[in-house]
Protein backbone atom coordinates (compact mmCIF):
# COMPACT_ATOMS: atom_id res chain seq x y z
CA MET A 1 35.95 113.34 14.02
CA PRO A 2 32.44 114.23 15.25
CA GLN A 3 30.51 116.72 13.14
CA LEU A 4 29.18 119.90 14.71
CA PRO A 5 25.39 119.92 15.01
CA ARG A 6 23.59 122.00 12.41
CA PRO A 7 21.82 125.09 13.71
CA PRO A 8 18.05 124.60 13.96
CA HIS A 9 15.94 126.03 11.17
CA ALA A 10 14.15 129.31 11.73
CA ARG A 11 10.52 128.87 12.77
CA ILE A 12 8.34 129.87 9.83
CA SER A 13 5.40 132.13 10.63
CA ASP A 14 1.73 131.42 10.01
CA GLU A 15 -1.48 133.46 9.91
CA THR A 16 -1.60 133.66 13.74
CA HIS A 17 1.78 135.41 13.98
CA ARG A 18 1.76 138.87 15.58
CA VAL A 19 4.35 141.57 16.23
CA THR A 20 6.68 140.66 19.09
CA THR A 21 8.20 142.84 21.80
CA PHE A 22 11.61 142.23 20.25
CA GLU A 23 10.45 143.83 17.01
CA LEU A 24 9.20 146.84 18.96
CA PHE A 25 12.59 147.02 20.65
CA PHE A 26 14.26 146.78 17.23
CA ASP A 27 12.21 149.75 15.99
CA LEU A 28 13.44 152.04 18.76
CA VAL A 29 16.71 152.45 16.89
CA PHE A 30 14.78 153.95 14.00
CA VAL A 31 12.93 156.40 16.25
CA PHE A 32 16.33 157.83 17.09
CA ALA A 33 17.33 157.70 13.42
CA PHE A 34 14.22 159.63 12.28
CA THR A 35 14.95 162.25 14.94
CA GLN A 36 18.48 162.54 13.58
CA VAL A 37 17.13 163.17 10.06
CA THR A 38 14.95 166.03 11.28
CA GLY A 39 17.88 167.44 13.24
CA PHE A 40 20.08 167.19 10.17
CA MET A 41 17.63 169.19 8.03
CA VAL A 42 17.14 171.78 10.78
CA HIS A 43 20.90 172.26 10.99
CA GLU A 44 21.41 172.48 7.22
CA HIS A 45 18.31 174.66 6.71
CA SER A 46 18.50 174.68 2.92
CA PHE A 47 16.69 172.98 0.07
CA LEU A 48 19.85 170.97 -0.63
CA GLY A 49 19.80 169.91 3.02
CA VAL A 50 16.18 168.78 2.64
CA LEU A 51 17.09 166.75 -0.45
CA GLN A 52 20.01 165.18 1.41
CA GLY A 53 17.78 164.55 4.42
CA MET A 54 15.22 162.78 2.23
CA VAL A 55 17.99 160.63 0.72
CA ILE A 56 19.07 159.66 4.23
CA LEU A 57 15.44 158.92 5.11
CA VAL A 58 15.09 156.58 2.12
CA LEU A 59 18.34 154.91 3.16
CA LEU A 60 16.88 154.39 6.65
CA TRP A 61 13.58 153.17 5.23
CA TRP A 62 15.49 150.69 3.09
CA SER A 63 17.22 149.56 6.28
CA TRP A 64 13.88 149.01 8.05
CA ALA A 65 11.38 147.82 5.42
CA PRO A 66 13.23 144.64 4.34
CA PHE A 67 13.09 143.44 7.95
CA SER A 68 9.30 143.77 7.96
CA TRP A 69 9.35 141.05 5.28
CA LEU A 70 11.87 138.97 7.19
CA ALA A 71 9.89 139.21 10.45
CA ASN A 72 6.76 138.06 8.63
CA GLN A 73 8.59 135.11 7.09
CA ALA A 74 9.96 133.74 10.38
CA HIS A 75 10.00 134.40 14.13
CA VAL A 76 12.83 136.89 14.59
CA ASP A 77 12.77 136.79 18.37
CA GLU A 78 14.12 133.24 18.53
CA GLY A 79 17.52 131.57 18.16
CA LEU A 80 19.91 132.81 15.49
CA MET A 81 17.34 135.27 14.15
CA ARG A 82 17.40 137.18 17.44
CA PHE A 83 21.19 137.40 17.42
CA GLY A 84 21.14 138.45 13.76
CA LEU A 85 18.66 141.27 14.35
CA SER A 86 20.63 142.37 17.40
CA ALA A 87 23.65 142.83 15.13
CA VAL A 88 21.44 144.80 12.74
CA MET A 89 20.36 147.07 15.60
CA VAL A 90 24.00 147.86 16.38
CA ALA A 91 24.78 148.63 12.72
CA ALA A 92 21.64 150.77 12.30
CA PHE A 93 22.42 152.70 15.49
CA ILE A 94 25.95 153.39 14.25
CA ALA A 95 24.46 154.67 10.98
CA ALA A 96 22.07 156.92 12.92
CA LEU A 97 24.92 158.33 15.02
CA ALA A 98 26.76 159.31 11.82
CA ILE A 99 23.77 161.17 10.29
CA PRO A 100 24.89 164.66 11.47
CA GLU A 101 28.13 164.05 9.52
CA ALA A 102 26.45 162.30 6.59
CA PHE A 103 27.51 164.92 4.02
CA ASP A 104 29.99 167.05 5.96
CA ASP A 105 32.66 165.19 7.91
CA LEU A 106 33.75 166.95 11.08
CA ASP A 107 37.38 167.35 12.08
CA GLY A 108 38.80 164.49 14.10
CA GLY A 109 37.55 160.95 14.48
CA LEU A 110 36.42 158.64 11.70
CA HIS A 111 35.09 159.72 8.31
CA GLY A 112 31.39 160.27 9.02
CA PRO A 113 29.94 159.62 5.53
CA LEU A 114 31.93 156.40 5.15
CA VAL A 115 30.88 155.18 8.60
CA LEU A 116 27.23 155.67 7.65
CA ALA A 117 27.73 154.02 4.25
CA LEU A 118 29.50 150.98 5.69
CA ALA A 119 26.95 150.60 8.48
CA TYR A 120 24.15 150.72 5.90
CA SER A 121 25.94 148.12 3.77
CA ALA A 122 26.29 145.88 6.84
CA VAL A 123 22.53 146.12 7.46
CA ARG A 124 21.77 145.08 3.88
CA VAL A 125 24.20 142.15 3.96
CA LEU A 126 22.84 140.92 7.29
CA HIS A 127 19.31 141.09 5.92
CA LEU A 128 20.19 138.94 2.91
CA VAL A 129 22.02 136.35 5.01
CA LEU A 130 19.20 136.12 7.54
CA TYR A 131 16.56 135.92 4.79
CA VAL A 132 18.35 132.98 3.17
CA TYR A 133 18.43 131.27 6.54
CA ALA A 134 14.73 132.04 7.17
CA SER A 135 13.66 130.81 3.72
CA GLY A 136 14.30 127.18 4.71
CA ASN A 137 13.57 124.84 1.80
CA ASP A 138 11.46 127.36 -0.12
CA ARG A 139 13.38 127.39 -3.42
CA PRO A 140 11.22 130.00 -5.22
CA LEU A 141 11.77 132.34 -2.28
CA ARG A 142 15.53 131.71 -2.38
CA ARG A 143 15.58 132.60 -6.07
CA GLN A 144 13.75 135.83 -5.24
CA ILE A 145 16.34 136.63 -2.58
CA ALA A 146 19.10 135.98 -5.12
CA LYS A 147 17.54 138.61 -7.41
CA LEU A 148 17.37 141.03 -4.50
CA THR A 149 21.07 140.49 -3.79
CA PHE A 150 22.06 142.14 -7.07
CA THR A 151 20.15 145.36 -6.47
CA ALA A 152 21.19 145.49 -2.78
CA VAL A 153 24.88 145.19 -3.69
CA LEU A 154 24.48 147.79 -6.45
CA GLY A 155 22.81 150.29 -4.11
CA ALA A 156 25.32 149.75 -1.31
CA ALA A 157 28.26 150.07 -3.73
CA LEU A 158 26.99 153.44 -4.97
CA VAL A 159 26.49 154.66 -1.39
CA VAL A 160 30.01 153.62 -0.38
CA THR A 161 31.49 155.15 -3.56
CA GLY A 162 29.69 158.42 -2.92
CA ALA A 163 30.98 158.52 0.65
CA VAL A 164 34.55 158.06 -0.58
CA LEU A 165 34.22 160.75 -3.28
CA GLY A 166 32.51 163.28 -1.02
CA GLY A 167 31.34 166.74 -2.09
CA THR A 168 28.59 167.21 -4.67
CA ALA A 169 29.31 163.78 -6.13
CA GLN A 170 28.27 162.15 -2.87
CA THR A 171 24.75 163.58 -3.04
CA TRP A 172 24.27 162.35 -6.59
CA PHE A 173 25.79 158.92 -5.95
CA TRP A 174 23.62 158.41 -2.87
CA LEU A 175 20.55 159.60 -4.74
CA ALA A 176 21.35 157.29 -7.66
CA GLY A 177 21.97 154.40 -5.27
CA MET A 178 18.59 154.79 -3.60
CA VAL A 179 16.70 155.34 -6.88
CA LEU A 180 18.24 152.30 -8.54
CA ASP A 181 17.94 150.09 -5.46
CA THR A 182 14.32 150.94 -4.77
CA GLY A 183 13.36 151.07 -8.45
CA ILE A 184 14.86 147.73 -9.48
CA THR A 185 13.61 146.09 -6.29
CA PHE A 186 10.10 147.25 -7.16
CA LEU A 187 10.32 145.76 -10.65
CA ILE A 188 11.53 142.37 -9.42
CA SER A 189 9.20 142.28 -6.40
CA TRP A 190 5.84 143.54 -7.65
CA HIS A 191 4.88 140.07 -8.90
CA GLY A 192 7.70 138.19 -7.21
CA ASN A 193 7.77 135.03 -5.12
CA TRP A 194 7.62 136.73 -1.74
CA ARG A 195 5.62 135.36 1.19
CA ILE A 196 3.29 137.18 3.57
CA HIS A 197 2.29 134.55 6.10
CA SER A 198 0.40 136.78 8.54
CA ALA A 199 -1.77 139.69 7.44
CA ALA A 200 -2.26 140.89 11.03
CA HIS A 201 1.49 140.98 11.68
CA TRP A 202 2.13 142.81 8.42
CA THR A 203 -0.43 145.59 8.83
CA GLU A 204 0.46 146.08 12.50
CA ARG A 205 4.15 146.37 11.58
CA TYR A 206 3.53 149.27 9.22
CA ALA A 207 1.00 150.93 11.51
CA LEU A 208 3.68 150.93 14.20
CA VAL A 209 6.27 152.60 11.98
CA VAL A 210 3.79 155.41 11.27
CA ILE A 211 3.28 155.74 15.04
CA LEU A 212 7.06 155.87 15.50
CA ALA A 213 7.36 158.66 12.94
CA LEU A 214 4.54 160.61 14.61
CA GLY A 215 6.26 160.07 17.94
CA GLU A 216 9.47 161.46 16.48
CA SER A 217 7.58 164.55 15.32
CA ILE A 218 6.22 165.11 18.82
CA VAL A 219 9.71 164.71 20.29
CA SER A 220 11.02 167.26 17.78
CA ILE A 221 8.28 169.72 18.75
CA GLY A 222 9.06 169.21 22.43
CA VAL A 223 12.80 169.63 21.97
CA GLY A 224 12.31 172.79 19.92
CA ALA A 225 9.86 174.31 22.41
CA SER A 226 11.89 173.37 25.50
CA GLU A 227 14.88 175.36 24.24
CA LEU A 228 12.86 178.60 24.27
CA PRO A 229 11.62 180.78 27.14
CA VAL A 230 8.02 179.89 27.95
CA SER A 231 5.68 182.42 26.36
CA VAL A 232 2.16 182.52 24.94
CA PRO A 233 3.34 182.27 21.29
CA VAL A 234 5.61 179.31 22.15
CA LEU A 235 2.82 177.49 23.98
CA ALA A 236 0.36 178.24 21.18
CA GLY A 237 2.80 177.00 18.56
CA ALA A 238 3.58 173.83 20.50
CA ALA A 239 -0.13 173.14 21.07
CA ALA A 240 -0.89 173.69 17.39
CA GLY A 241 1.95 171.35 16.43
CA ILE A 242 0.58 168.61 18.69
CA CYS A 243 -2.93 169.13 17.27
CA LEU A 244 -1.48 168.81 13.77
CA SER A 245 0.14 165.50 14.73
CA ILE A 246 -3.17 164.30 16.17
CA GLY A 247 -4.89 165.19 12.89
CA LEU A 248 -2.34 163.21 10.89
CA TRP A 249 -2.79 160.26 13.25
CA TRP A 250 -6.57 160.47 12.87
CA LEU A 251 -6.48 160.46 9.07
CA TYR A 252 -4.57 157.18 9.00
CA PHE A 253 -5.61 155.23 12.08
CA ASP A 254 -9.26 156.12 12.64
CA VAL A 255 -10.62 154.30 9.57
CA THR A 256 -8.12 153.98 6.72
CA ALA A 257 -5.66 151.62 8.42
CA VAL A 258 -8.45 149.46 9.89
CA ALA A 259 -10.34 149.12 6.61
CA ALA A 260 -7.11 148.41 4.72
CA GLU A 261 -6.23 145.67 7.20
CA HIS A 262 -9.58 143.97 6.56
CA ARG A 263 -9.03 144.07 2.81
CA PHE A 264 -5.44 142.92 3.09
CA ALA A 265 -6.40 139.94 5.28
CA ALA A 266 -8.83 138.78 2.60
CA LEU A 267 -6.06 138.56 -0.02
CA ARG A 268 -4.08 135.40 -0.64
CA GLY A 269 -0.88 134.39 -2.42
CA SER A 270 0.56 136.71 -5.03
CA ALA A 271 -2.30 139.20 -4.65
CA ARG A 272 -1.34 139.67 -1.00
CA SER A 273 2.39 139.97 -1.65
CA SER A 274 1.78 142.46 -4.49
CA ALA A 275 -0.36 144.64 -2.22
CA ALA A 276 2.33 144.35 0.46
CA VAL A 277 4.96 145.63 -1.96
CA VAL A 278 3.03 148.58 -3.38
CA ALA A 279 0.62 149.68 -0.65
CA TYR A 280 2.89 149.16 2.32
CA THR A 281 6.61 148.93 1.46
CA TYR A 282 6.46 151.77 -1.08
CA LEU A 283 3.39 153.90 -0.36
CA HIS A 284 4.07 154.14 3.36
CA LEU A 285 7.36 155.90 2.67
CA PRO A 286 5.55 159.15 1.61
CA LEU A 287 3.64 158.99 4.90
CA VAL A 288 6.85 158.86 6.94
CA ALA A 289 8.53 161.48 4.73
CA GLY A 290 5.50 163.76 5.08
CA ILE A 291 5.62 163.45 8.88
CA VAL A 292 9.35 164.22 8.99
CA LEU A 293 8.91 167.27 6.73
CA THR A 294 6.01 168.46 8.88
CA ALA A 295 8.21 168.18 11.97
CA LEU A 296 10.83 170.28 10.20
CA GLY A 297 8.21 172.92 9.41
CA VAL A 298 6.91 173.04 12.99
CA GLU A 299 10.46 173.34 14.34
CA ASP A 300 11.03 176.26 11.98
CA VAL A 301 7.86 177.90 13.29
CA LEU A 302 8.93 177.52 16.90
CA ALA A 303 12.37 178.94 16.12
CA HIS A 304 10.79 182.24 14.99
CA VAL A 305 7.47 182.28 16.82
CA ASP A 306 8.47 185.01 19.28
CA GLU A 307 9.73 187.28 16.52
CA GLY A 308 6.32 187.70 14.87
CA LYS A 309 7.94 187.26 11.47
CA GLY A 310 7.00 185.09 8.51
CA LEU A 311 8.59 181.77 7.68
CA SER A 312 11.44 181.35 5.24
CA SER A 313 10.66 179.75 1.89
CA LEU A 314 12.10 176.51 3.24
CA GLY A 315 9.89 176.68 6.33
CA VAL A 316 6.78 177.28 4.19
CA PHE A 317 7.73 174.37 1.93
CA ALA A 318 8.14 171.99 4.87
CA LEU A 319 5.11 173.17 6.87
CA PHE A 320 2.66 173.05 3.96
CA GLY A 321 4.35 170.41 1.81
CA GLY A 322 4.79 167.85 4.60
CA PRO A 323 1.06 167.42 5.35
CA ALA A 324 0.30 167.56 1.60
CA LEU A 325 2.68 164.67 0.95
CA TYR A 326 1.14 162.74 3.84
CA LEU A 327 -2.39 163.26 2.48
CA LEU A 328 -1.36 162.20 -1.02
CA GLY A 329 0.31 159.12 0.45
CA THR A 330 -2.77 158.05 2.42
CA ALA A 331 -4.99 158.63 -0.62
CA ALA A 332 -2.74 156.53 -2.88
CA PHE A 333 -2.49 153.83 -0.20
CA TRP A 334 -6.27 153.53 0.08
CA ARG A 335 -6.64 153.52 -3.71
CA ARG A 336 -4.15 150.65 -4.01
CA MET A 337 -6.03 148.68 -1.37
CA GLY A 338 -9.08 148.68 -3.59
CA GLY A 339 -10.86 151.78 -2.40
CA GLY A 340 -11.72 154.89 -4.36
CA TRP A 341 -9.70 158.07 -4.43
CA LYS A 342 -10.18 160.10 -1.25
CA LYS A 343 -11.14 163.29 -3.02
CA TRP A 344 -11.29 165.50 0.04
CA ARG A 345 -7.72 164.55 0.87
CA LEU A 346 -6.57 165.19 -2.68
CA GLY A 347 -8.31 168.56 -2.63
CA THR A 348 -6.78 169.55 0.70
CA ALA A 349 -3.34 168.47 -0.49
CA ALA A 350 -3.78 170.56 -3.65
CA LEU A 351 -4.80 173.56 -1.52
CA LEU A 352 -1.75 173.16 0.73
CA LEU A 353 0.55 173.01 -2.29
CA ALA A 354 -1.16 176.04 -3.83
CA LEU A 355 -0.60 178.01 -0.63
CA ILE A 356 3.14 177.35 -0.99
CA ALA A 357 3.06 178.97 -4.41
CA VAL A 358 0.88 181.89 -3.31
CA GLY A 359 3.17 182.75 -0.40
CA LEU A 360 0.63 184.30 1.96
CA PRO A 361 2.03 187.13 4.11
CA LEU A 362 1.52 185.27 7.39
CA THR A 363 3.53 185.17 10.58
CA SER A 364 5.06 181.78 11.40
CA LEU A 365 2.44 181.09 14.09
CA ALA A 366 -0.42 182.08 11.79
CA ALA A 367 0.89 179.75 9.10
CA LEU A 368 1.01 176.85 11.57
CA LEU A 369 -2.50 177.61 12.80
CA LEU A 370 -3.74 177.69 9.20
CA VAL A 371 -2.24 174.29 8.36
CA THR A 372 -3.59 172.81 11.59
CA ALA A 373 -7.05 174.23 10.87
CA LEU A 374 -7.06 172.76 7.34
CA VAL A 375 -6.13 169.30 8.61
CA ALA A 376 -8.66 169.54 11.45
CA GLY A 377 -11.31 170.65 8.97
CA LEU A 378 -10.55 167.67 6.75
CA VAL A 379 -10.90 165.32 9.73
CA ALA A 380 -14.27 166.88 10.59
CA VAL A 381 -15.58 166.71 7.01
CA GLU A 382 -14.60 163.05 6.57
CA ALA A 383 -16.03 162.14 9.97
CA LEU A 384 -19.33 163.74 9.01
CA LEU A 385 -19.60 162.51 5.42
CA TYR A 386 -18.44 158.96 6.08
CA ARG A 387 -19.85 158.40 9.56
CA GLU A 388 -21.82 155.30 8.48
CA VAL A 389 -18.75 153.77 6.84
CA ARG A 390 -16.73 154.60 9.93
CA ARG A 391 -19.32 152.95 12.16
CA ARG A 392 -19.27 149.75 10.10
CA VAL A 393 -15.48 149.58 9.87
CA ARG A 394 -14.83 150.29 13.53
CA GLY A 395 -17.74 148.12 14.55
CA SER A 396 -16.24 145.16 12.73
CA GLN A 397 -12.93 145.93 14.46
CA ALA A 398 -14.64 145.70 17.83
CA VAL A 399 -16.11 142.34 16.94
């Protein structure tokens, strides 16, 4: 009896590998998912809802980040890899659709929390299977994947169990699942046998996910503003929100991301994979979380901008805490990539957090204008103080 032909091996990447259009297409699912997280927190409008929203965000991040490693290991736009990632897109989209019912199942239809949990579990299983296939004959890498399997199964089991139990237990089971999954994965990956074949592909991949999160924040601002009658306060709030997003973009992309890419490209072997784990897979999560929280804060401003009233404590926390988390994330990222601490960013973050505690008697629009002015001021100060560094970094990029 004739044997069936074996499927061809995945094509392993090299230093010339760049992000493909299929990967950009893959990421569009997560744009929708990030929007769903913001919508979930807006609907819940409570500190518990923010905690649950952040748990969902980590769950989504842990559905996206492992595929940045896989796409750097092998060409995911070819052969079986393309079909595998297409299946992942379907599962991730199903998970995103279930986010509004993540912790409160609606009457009728399927059980929302369980749908999300099972879709997430499917994403993790597909990642492991595809990674084994993409590892080829690299035995050390296969052993590393075997270690990852344990923590992935543990995290998914806790998420599914929480969905079945429901209620308060679900929040704690999901939180425990994400903490254990991400924590144990960090311990086994920091100095693990992972491979980063292309520095350019890697840094571009994470720059794009920051762009996607910023895009989601702009969409959220637009959706919030479009539901209100056009007025001067609404237009001013929307304009300030866009300017705030521009400031956040500037603080990452103008110099920091470019300089970090140069440093990352110079690393080799375990030094490169260790930097990939800490600086990108883990320290980019606070950037995305900060953007999502900022979007929540801006939406809260727009919801009350015509009333001339102050923000709720939740709105103040999101509006001031979101940019603070983003600034702390960019500072830690640059520090891990071998630079010094960005003291102006740390100082601005500390000021934003202090303003939460002070509770200034400001209207919602005034609070947004203040945050936007602080971020714009930080951009101006860094551009002035580090103009020579900026010229060298961006000059080398042009070359």
